[in-house]
Amino acid sequence: MNKIGFLPFEDIAKADLPPKERIVRAARELFYRNGLHSVGVDAIAEAAGTNKMTLYRHFDSKDQLIAECMRQICADFLTAWQEVSPTCEGEPKRLLKLWLDFSFDRKTHSRGCALANAAVQLPDKDHPAKRVIEDQGGTIVFEPWITNTVSQ
């Protein structure tokens, strides 16, 4: 299974991508490495090879940027799930092993699950990113898988 959306961190600012995508990729990496509250918009803009004005043109606030990062993480996990699950029809143990191998690949996920880490750092249940995590995070993969596996 391939890693979705990962560029070496040092290449994000130089990547031939639209500014919004560079901002989100840089923010995802910085938030994952350093925590949501430890990273400022100046650092994100610099890592994305842009400036704060451009960042705020795309995102009304850092909270909205965090929410977009969580949406993309959820989408990446769903894409990965959709890639691997058809290869394991009728083999739920193999599917679970492949999924866990992907989810906990220490090369790209050495700090644990990005969604769980963010959820712990966001105690306000009304934070836009917390709502994304609660609405999309758990149900994206595990509820359908459990339902399908139990029915087999």
N, C-alpha and C. Protein backbone atom coordinates (compact mmCIF):
# COMPACT_ATOMS: atom_id res chain seq x y z
N MET A 1 0.86 -1.17 0.00
CA MET A 1 0.00 0.00 0.00
C MET A 1 0.90 1.23 0.00
N ASN A 2 0.57 2.19 -0.83
CA ASN A 2 1.41 3.38 -0.88
C ASN A 2 1.01 4.39 0.20
N LYS A 3 1.90 5.28 0.49
CA LYS A 3 1.62 6.36 1.42
C LYS A 3 1.00 7.49 0.62
N ILE A 4 -0.06 8.02 1.13
CA ILE A 4 -0.83 8.99 0.38
C ILE A 4 -0.47 10.40 0.80
N GLY A 5 -0.10 11.23 -0.16
CA GLY A 5 0.10 12.63 0.12
C GLY A 5 1.38 12.99 0.85
N PHE A 6 2.32 12.07 0.98
CA PHE A 6 3.53 12.39 1.72
C PHE A 6 4.63 12.84 0.78
N LEU A 7 5.20 13.98 1.09
CA LEU A 7 6.41 14.48 0.44
C LEU A 7 7.43 14.63 1.55
N PRO A 8 8.70 14.47 1.25
CA PRO A 8 9.67 14.83 2.29
C PRO A 8 9.41 16.27 2.72
N PHE A 9 9.44 16.50 4.02
CA PHE A 9 9.07 17.80 4.57
C PHE A 9 9.84 18.94 3.93
N GLU A 10 11.12 18.75 3.72
CA GLU A 10 11.95 19.82 3.18
C GLU A 10 11.58 20.16 1.73
N ASP A 11 10.81 19.30 1.06
CA ASP A 11 10.44 19.55 -0.33
C ASP A 11 9.10 20.25 -0.49
N ILE A 12 8.34 20.43 0.57
CA ILE A 12 7.00 21.01 0.45
C ILE A 12 7.06 22.42 -0.12
N ALA A 13 7.92 23.27 0.41
CA ALA A 13 7.98 24.66 -0.05
C ALA A 13 8.38 24.76 -1.51
N LYS A 14 9.17 23.79 -2.00
CA LYS A 14 9.65 23.82 -3.37
C LYS A 14 8.74 23.07 -4.34
N ALA A 15 7.75 22.38 -3.81
CA ALA A 15 6.89 21.55 -4.65
C ALA A 15 6.07 22.42 -5.60
N ASP A 16 5.85 21.88 -6.78
CA ASP A 16 5.05 22.57 -7.79
C ASP A 16 3.57 22.31 -7.51
N LEU A 17 3.10 22.89 -6.40
CA LEU A 17 1.72 22.71 -5.96
C LEU A 17 1.12 24.08 -5.70
N PRO A 18 -0.19 24.19 -5.77
CA PRO A 18 -0.83 25.47 -5.42
C PRO A 18 -0.53 25.83 -3.96
N PRO A 19 -0.50 27.11 -3.64
CA PRO A 19 -0.17 27.53 -2.27
C PRO A 19 -1.04 26.87 -1.20
N LYS A 20 -2.33 26.74 -1.44
CA LYS A 20 -3.21 26.15 -0.44
C LYS A 20 -2.78 24.72 -0.10
N GLU A 21 -2.44 23.96 -1.13
CA GLU A 21 -2.01 22.58 -0.89
C GLU A 21 -0.68 22.53 -0.15
N ARG A 22 0.25 23.42 -0.51
CA ARG A 22 1.53 23.48 0.23
C ARG A 22 1.29 23.85 1.68
N ILE A 23 0.38 24.78 1.93
CA ILE A 23 0.07 25.20 3.30
C ILE A 23 -0.47 24.02 4.11
N VAL A 24 -1.42 23.29 3.54
CA VAL A 24 -2.01 22.17 4.26
C VAL A 24 -0.97 21.07 4.50
N ARG A 25 -0.17 20.76 3.51
CA ARG A 25 0.84 19.72 3.70
C ARG A 25 1.86 20.13 4.76
N ALA A 26 2.30 21.37 4.71
CA ALA A 26 3.25 21.84 5.72
C ALA A 26 2.61 21.82 7.10
N ALA A 27 1.38 22.28 7.20
CA ALA A 27 0.70 22.30 8.49
C ALA A 27 0.52 20.89 9.03
N ARG A 28 0.13 19.97 8.19
CA ARG A 28 -0.04 18.58 8.64
C ARG A 28 1.25 18.05 9.25
N GLU A 29 2.33 18.27 8.56
CA GLU A 29 3.62 17.77 9.04
C GLU A 29 4.03 18.46 10.34
N LEU A 30 3.92 19.77 10.37
CA LEU A 30 4.31 20.51 11.58
C LEU A 30 3.41 20.17 12.76
N PHE A 31 2.10 20.10 12.54
CA PHE A 31 1.19 19.73 13.62
C PHE A 31 1.51 18.34 14.15
N TYR A 32 1.80 17.43 13.24
CA TYR A 32 2.11 16.05 13.65
C TYR A 32 3.41 15.98 14.45
N ARG A 33 4.43 16.67 13.96
CA ARG A 33 5.74 16.64 14.63
C ARG A 33 5.74 17.38 15.97
N ASN A 34 5.05 18.51 16.03
CA ASN A 34 5.22 19.42 17.17
C ASN A 34 3.97 19.65 18.01
N GLY A 35 2.84 19.22 17.53
CA GLY A 35 1.59 19.46 18.25
C GLY A 35 0.86 20.67 17.70
N LEU A 36 -0.45 20.68 17.85
CA LEU A 36 -1.28 21.74 17.26
C LEU A 36 -1.00 23.10 17.86
N HIS A 37 -0.77 23.16 19.16
CA HIS A 37 -0.63 24.44 19.83
C HIS A 37 0.80 24.99 19.80
N SER A 38 1.74 24.16 19.43
CA SER A 38 3.15 24.58 19.40
C SER A 38 3.56 25.20 18.08
N VAL A 39 2.70 25.11 17.09
CA VAL A 39 3.04 25.57 15.75
C VAL A 39 2.26 26.84 15.44
N GLY A 40 2.98 27.89 15.06
CA GLY A 40 2.33 29.14 14.68
C GLY A 40 2.16 29.26 13.18
N VAL A 41 1.32 30.19 12.78
CA VAL A 41 1.08 30.37 11.35
C VAL A 41 2.32 30.88 10.62
N ASP A 42 3.19 31.59 11.30
CA ASP A 42 4.44 32.02 10.66
C ASP A 42 5.27 30.82 10.22
N ALA A 43 5.39 29.84 11.10
CA ALA A 43 6.17 28.63 10.79
C ALA A 43 5.53 27.85 9.65
N ILE A 44 4.21 27.78 9.66
CA ILE A 44 3.51 27.06 8.59
C ILE A 44 3.73 27.76 7.25
N ALA A 45 3.56 29.08 7.24
CA ALA A 45 3.75 29.84 6.00
C ALA A 45 5.17 29.67 5.47
N GLU A 46 6.13 29.76 6.37
CA GLU A 46 7.53 29.60 5.94
C GLU A 46 7.79 28.21 5.37
N ALA A 47 7.30 27.18 6.07
CA ALA A 47 7.51 25.80 5.59
C ALA A 47 6.82 25.56 4.26
N ALA A 48 5.73 26.30 4.01
CA ALA A 48 4.98 26.14 2.75
C ALA A 48 5.55 27.02 1.63
N GLY A 49 6.55 27.83 1.95
CA GLY A 49 7.13 28.70 0.94
C GLY A 49 6.19 29.82 0.54
N THR A 50 5.43 30.31 1.52
CA THR A 50 4.48 31.39 1.24
C THR A 50 4.51 32.39 2.39
N ASN A 51 3.45 33.13 2.59
CA ASN A 51 3.42 34.10 3.69
C ASN A 51 2.07 34.03 4.42
N LYS A 52 1.97 34.75 5.54
CA LYS A 52 0.74 34.71 6.34
C LYS A 52 -0.46 35.25 5.57
N MET A 53 -0.24 36.26 4.76
CA MET A 53 -1.36 36.82 4.00
C MET A 53 -1.99 35.74 3.10
N THR A 54 -1.15 34.96 2.44
CA THR A 54 -1.65 33.89 1.58
C THR A 54 -2.34 32.82 2.41
N LEU A 55 -1.77 32.48 3.54
CA LEU A 55 -2.38 31.49 4.42
C LEU A 55 -3.79 31.95 4.82
N TYR A 56 -3.91 33.19 5.26
CA TYR A 56 -5.22 33.69 5.70
C TYR A 56 -6.17 33.96 4.54
N ARG A 57 -5.65 34.05 3.34
CA ARG A 57 -6.53 34.17 2.17
C ARG A 57 -7.26 32.83 1.95
N HIS A 58 -6.60 31.74 2.31
CA HIS A 58 -7.19 30.41 2.12
C HIS A 58 -7.93 29.90 3.35
N PHE A 59 -7.53 30.35 4.52
CA PHE A 59 -8.12 29.87 5.78
C PHE A 59 -8.42 31.06 6.68
N ASP A 60 -9.64 31.14 7.17
CA ASP A 60 -10.03 32.26 8.03
C ASP A 60 -9.27 32.29 9.34
N SER A 61 -8.82 31.12 9.79
CA SER A 61 -8.14 31.04 11.09
C SER A 61 -7.27 29.78 11.12
N LYS A 62 -6.41 29.72 12.11
CA LYS A 62 -5.61 28.52 12.32
C LYS A 62 -6.53 27.34 12.63
N ASP A 63 -7.61 27.60 13.36
CA ASP A 63 -8.56 26.53 13.67
C ASP A 63 -9.16 25.92 12.40
N GLN A 64 -9.47 26.77 11.41
CA GLN A 64 -10.00 26.26 10.15
C GLN A 64 -8.94 25.46 9.39
N LEU A 65 -7.69 25.89 9.48
CA LEU A 65 -6.60 25.14 8.86
C LEU A 65 -6.45 23.78 9.53
N ILE A 66 -6.51 23.74 10.84
CA ILE A 66 -6.43 22.46 11.56
C ILE A 66 -7.57 21.55 11.11
N ALA A 67 -8.78 22.10 11.00
CA ALA A 67 -9.92 21.29 10.56
C ALA A 67 -9.70 20.73 9.16
N GLU A 68 -9.15 21.55 8.27
CA GLU A 68 -8.88 21.06 6.91
C GLU A 68 -7.82 19.96 6.94
N CYS A 69 -6.82 20.11 7.77
CA CYS A 69 -5.80 19.06 7.91
C CYS A 69 -6.45 17.75 8.36
N MET A 70 -7.35 17.82 9.32
CA MET A 70 -8.03 16.62 9.82
C MET A 70 -8.91 16.00 8.73
N ARG A 71 -9.58 16.86 7.93
CA ARG A 71 -10.39 16.33 6.83
C ARG A 71 -9.52 15.57 5.83
N GLN A 72 -8.36 16.13 5.53
CA GLN A 72 -7.48 15.47 4.56
C GLN A 72 -6.89 14.18 5.12
N ILE A 73 -6.58 14.18 6.40
CA ILE A 73 -6.08 12.95 7.01
C ILE A 73 -7.15 11.87 6.93
N CYS A 74 -8.39 12.23 7.25
CA CYS A 74 -9.49 11.27 7.15
C CYS A 74 -9.64 10.77 5.71
N ALA A 75 -9.56 11.68 4.76
CA ALA A 75 -9.68 11.29 3.35
C ALA A 75 -8.54 10.37 2.93
N ASP A 76 -7.33 10.65 3.40
CA ASP A 76 -6.19 9.79 3.07
C ASP A 76 -6.38 8.39 3.63
N PHE A 77 -6.87 8.31 4.85
CA PHE A 77 -7.10 7.00 5.45
C PHE A 77 -8.19 6.25 4.70
N LEU A 78 -9.24 6.94 4.29
CA LEU A 78 -10.31 6.30 3.53
C LEU A 78 -9.78 5.79 2.20
N THR A 79 -8.97 6.59 1.52
CA THR A 79 -8.38 6.16 0.25
C THR A 79 -7.51 4.92 0.45
N ALA A 80 -6.70 4.95 1.49
CA ALA A 80 -5.84 3.79 1.77
C ALA A 80 -6.69 2.55 2.05
N TRP A 81 -7.75 2.74 2.83
CA TRP A 81 -8.65 1.62 3.14
C TRP A 81 -9.27 1.06 1.87
N GLN A 82 -9.70 1.94 0.98
CA GLN A 82 -10.32 1.51 -0.27
C GLN A 82 -9.33 0.81 -1.18
N GLU A 83 -8.05 1.14 -1.06
CA GLU A 83 -7.03 0.47 -1.86
C GLU A 83 -6.77 -0.95 -1.35
N VAL A 84 -6.72 -1.10 -0.03
CA VAL A 84 -6.30 -2.38 0.52
C VAL A 84 -7.46 -3.35 0.72
N SER A 85 -8.64 -2.87 1.05
CA SER A 85 -9.71 -3.80 1.40
C SER A 85 -10.14 -4.74 0.27
N PRO A 86 -10.18 -4.31 -0.99
CA PRO A 86 -10.56 -5.27 -2.04
C PRO A 86 -9.56 -6.41 -2.20
N THR A 87 -8.33 -6.21 -1.77
CA THR A 87 -7.31 -7.26 -1.91
C THR A 87 -7.44 -8.33 -0.82
N CYS A 88 -8.35 -8.10 0.12
CA CYS A 88 -8.48 -9.01 1.26
C CYS A 88 -9.89 -9.56 1.43
N GLU A 89 -10.64 -9.65 0.34
CA GLU A 89 -12.01 -10.16 0.42
C GLU A 89 -12.03 -11.51 1.13
N GLY A 90 -12.86 -11.63 2.15
CA GLY A 90 -13.00 -12.88 2.89
C GLY A 90 -11.84 -13.20 3.81
N GLU A 91 -10.90 -12.28 3.96
CA GLU A 91 -9.75 -12.48 4.83
C GLU A 91 -9.64 -11.34 5.84
N PRO A 92 -10.55 -11.28 6.79
CA PRO A 92 -10.57 -10.15 7.72
C PRO A 92 -9.30 -10.01 8.56
N LYS A 93 -8.67 -11.12 8.93
CA LYS A 93 -7.43 -11.02 9.71
C LYS A 93 -6.31 -10.41 8.89
N ARG A 94 -6.21 -10.82 7.64
CA ARG A 94 -5.18 -10.26 6.75
C ARG A 94 -5.44 -8.76 6.54
N LEU A 95 -6.70 -8.40 6.35
CA LEU A 95 -7.06 -7.00 6.17
C LEU A 95 -6.68 -6.18 7.40
N LEU A 96 -7.00 -6.69 8.56
CA LEU A 96 -6.65 -5.97 9.79
C LEU A 96 -5.14 -5.81 9.92
N LYS A 97 -4.39 -6.86 9.60
CA LYS A 97 -2.93 -6.78 9.69
C LYS A 97 -2.37 -5.74 8.71
N LEU A 98 -2.84 -5.76 7.47
CA LEU A 98 -2.37 -4.78 6.49
C LEU A 98 -2.73 -3.36 6.93
N TRP A 99 -3.93 -3.20 7.45
CA TRP A 99 -4.36 -1.88 7.90
C TRP A 99 -3.50 -1.39 9.06
N LEU A 100 -3.25 -2.26 10.02
CA LEU A 100 -2.41 -1.88 11.16
C LEU A 100 -0.98 -1.57 10.71
N ASP A 101 -0.47 -2.36 9.77
CA ASP A 101 0.87 -2.09 9.23
C ASP A 101 0.92 -0.70 8.61
N PHE A 102 -0.12 -0.35 7.85
CA PHE A 102 -0.18 0.98 7.23
C PHE A 102 -0.32 2.06 8.30
N SER A 103 -1.24 1.86 9.21
CA SER A 103 -1.56 2.88 10.21
C SER A 103 -0.41 3.17 11.16
N PHE A 104 0.39 2.16 11.42
CA PHE A 104 1.43 2.33 12.42
C PHE A 104 2.83 2.16 11.85
N ASP A 105 2.97 2.50 10.57
CA ASP A 105 4.29 2.49 9.93
C ASP A 105 5.16 3.51 10.64
N ARG A 106 6.18 3.07 11.31
CA ARG A 106 7.02 3.95 12.13
C ARG A 106 7.83 4.95 11.31
N LYS A 107 7.98 4.70 10.02
CA LYS A 107 8.72 5.66 9.20
C LYS A 107 7.95 6.97 9.04
N THR A 108 6.63 6.86 8.91
CA THR A 108 5.83 8.07 8.68
C THR A 108 4.90 8.38 9.85
N HIS A 109 4.72 7.47 10.77
CA HIS A 109 3.80 7.67 11.88
C HIS A 109 4.48 7.40 13.22
N SER A 110 5.65 7.92 13.42
CA SER A 110 6.40 7.62 14.64
C SER A 110 5.81 8.24 15.90
N ARG A 111 4.88 9.16 15.74
CA ARG A 111 4.28 9.81 16.91
C ARG A 111 2.85 9.33 17.15
N GLY A 112 2.47 8.22 16.55
CA GLY A 112 1.14 7.67 16.75
C GLY A 112 0.15 8.20 15.74
N CYS A 113 -1.10 8.01 16.04
CA CYS A 113 -2.19 8.39 15.14
C CYS A 113 -2.41 9.91 15.17
N ALA A 114 -2.34 10.53 14.02
CA ALA A 114 -2.51 11.99 13.94
C ALA A 114 -3.89 12.43 14.42
N LEU A 115 -4.92 11.64 14.12
CA LEU A 115 -6.27 12.00 14.56
C LEU A 115 -6.40 11.90 16.07
N ALA A 116 -5.88 10.82 16.65
CA ALA A 116 -5.95 10.66 18.10
C ALA A 116 -5.14 11.75 18.80
N ASN A 117 -3.97 12.04 18.27
CA ASN A 117 -3.14 13.10 18.86
C ASN A 117 -3.88 14.44 18.84
N ALA A 118 -4.49 14.76 17.72
CA ALA A 118 -5.21 16.02 17.60
C ALA A 118 -6.42 16.04 18.54
N ALA A 119 -7.14 14.94 18.62
CA ALA A 119 -8.33 14.88 19.48
C ALA A 119 -7.97 15.17 20.93
N VAL A 120 -6.85 14.64 21.37
CA VAL A 120 -6.40 14.85 22.75
C VAL A 120 -6.03 16.32 22.98
N GLN A 121 -5.50 16.96 21.96
CA GLN A 121 -5.07 18.36 22.09
C GLN A 121 -6.21 19.36 21.94
N LEU A 122 -7.39 18.88 21.62
CA LEU A 122 -8.53 19.77 21.38
C LEU A 122 -9.66 19.45 22.36
N PRO A 123 -9.57 19.96 23.58
CA PRO A 123 -10.60 19.64 24.57
C PRO A 123 -11.95 20.29 24.29
N ASP A 124 -11.96 21.38 23.51
CA ASP A 124 -13.21 22.08 23.21
C ASP A 124 -14.01 21.28 22.18
N LYS A 125 -15.14 20.74 22.59
CA LYS A 125 -15.93 19.90 21.70
C LYS A 125 -16.49 20.68 20.51
N ASP A 126 -16.49 22.01 20.58
CA ASP A 126 -17.00 22.83 19.49
C ASP A 126 -15.91 23.30 18.52
N HIS A 127 -14.67 22.90 18.78
CA HIS A 127 -13.59 23.26 17.85
C HIS A 127 -13.90 22.61 16.50
N PRO A 128 -13.74 23.34 15.39
CA PRO A 128 -14.09 22.76 14.08
C PRO A 128 -13.34 21.47 13.76
N ALA A 129 -12.09 21.36 14.18
CA ALA A 129 -11.32 20.14 13.91
C ALA A 129 -11.81 18.99 14.77
N LYS A 130 -12.23 19.27 15.99
CA LYS A 130 -12.75 18.22 16.88
C LYS A 130 -14.01 17.63 16.27
N ARG A 131 -14.84 18.48 15.69
CA ARG A 131 -16.06 17.99 15.04
C ARG A 131 -15.71 17.11 13.84
N VAL A 132 -14.71 17.49 13.07
CA VAL A 132 -14.29 16.66 11.93
C VAL A 132 -13.83 15.30 12.42
N ILE A 133 -13.00 15.29 13.45
CA ILE A 133 -12.48 14.03 13.97
C ILE A 133 -13.62 13.14 14.47
N GLU A 134 -14.54 13.73 15.21
CA GLU A 134 -15.64 12.94 15.75
C GLU A 134 -16.60 12.48 14.66
N ASP A 135 -16.85 13.34 13.66
CA ASP A 135 -17.79 12.99 12.60
C ASP A 135 -17.22 12.00 11.60
N GLN A 136 -15.94 12.15 11.28
CA GLN A 136 -15.36 11.35 10.20
C GLN A 136 -14.36 10.31 10.66
N GLY A 137 -13.62 10.61 11.70
CA GLY A 137 -12.49 9.77 12.10
C GLY A 137 -12.82 8.32 12.35
N GLY A 138 -13.70 8.03 13.28
CA GLY A 138 -13.98 6.64 13.63
C GLY A 138 -14.85 5.93 12.64
N THR A 139 -15.79 6.64 12.03
CA THR A 139 -16.74 5.97 11.16
C THR A 139 -16.21 5.72 9.77
N ILE A 140 -15.16 6.41 9.38
CA ILE A 140 -14.63 6.25 8.02
C ILE A 140 -14.30 4.80 7.72
N VAL A 141 -13.59 4.17 8.62
CA VAL A 141 -13.08 2.85 8.33
C VAL A 141 -13.69 1.79 9.21
N PHE A 142 -13.63 2.00 10.48
CA PHE A 142 -13.88 0.90 11.39
C PHE A 142 -15.32 0.47 11.51
N GLU A 143 -16.27 1.38 11.51
CA GLU A 143 -17.66 0.95 11.60
C GLU A 143 -18.08 0.10 10.41
N PRO A 144 -17.82 0.54 9.16
CA PRO A 144 -18.20 -0.33 8.04
C PRO A 144 -17.45 -1.66 8.05
N TRP A 145 -16.18 -1.65 8.43
CA TRP A 145 -15.42 -2.89 8.45
C TRP A 145 -15.97 -3.85 9.49
N ILE A 146 -16.25 -3.35 10.67
CA ILE A 146 -16.79 -4.20 11.72
C ILE A 146 -18.15 -4.76 11.30
N THR A 147 -18.99 -3.90 10.75
CA THR A 147 -20.31 -4.34 10.31
C THR A 147 -20.18 -5.43 9.24
N ASN A 148 -19.34 -5.20 8.25
CA ASN A 148 -19.16 -6.19 7.18
C ASN A 148 -18.53 -7.48 7.69
N THR A 149 -17.55 -7.37 8.56
CA THR A 149 -16.86 -8.55 9.06
C THR A 149 -17.78 -9.39 9.93
N VAL A 150 -18.55 -8.74 10.78
CA VAL A 150 -19.47 -9.47 11.66
C VAL A 150 -20.54 -10.18 10.84
N SER A 151 -20.96 -9.57 9.73
CA SER A 151 -22.02 -10.18 8.92
C SER A 151 -21.51 -11.34 8.07
N GLN A 152 -20.20 -11.54 7.95
CA GLN A 152 -19.65 -12.63 7.12
C GLN A 152 -19.78 -13.97 7.80
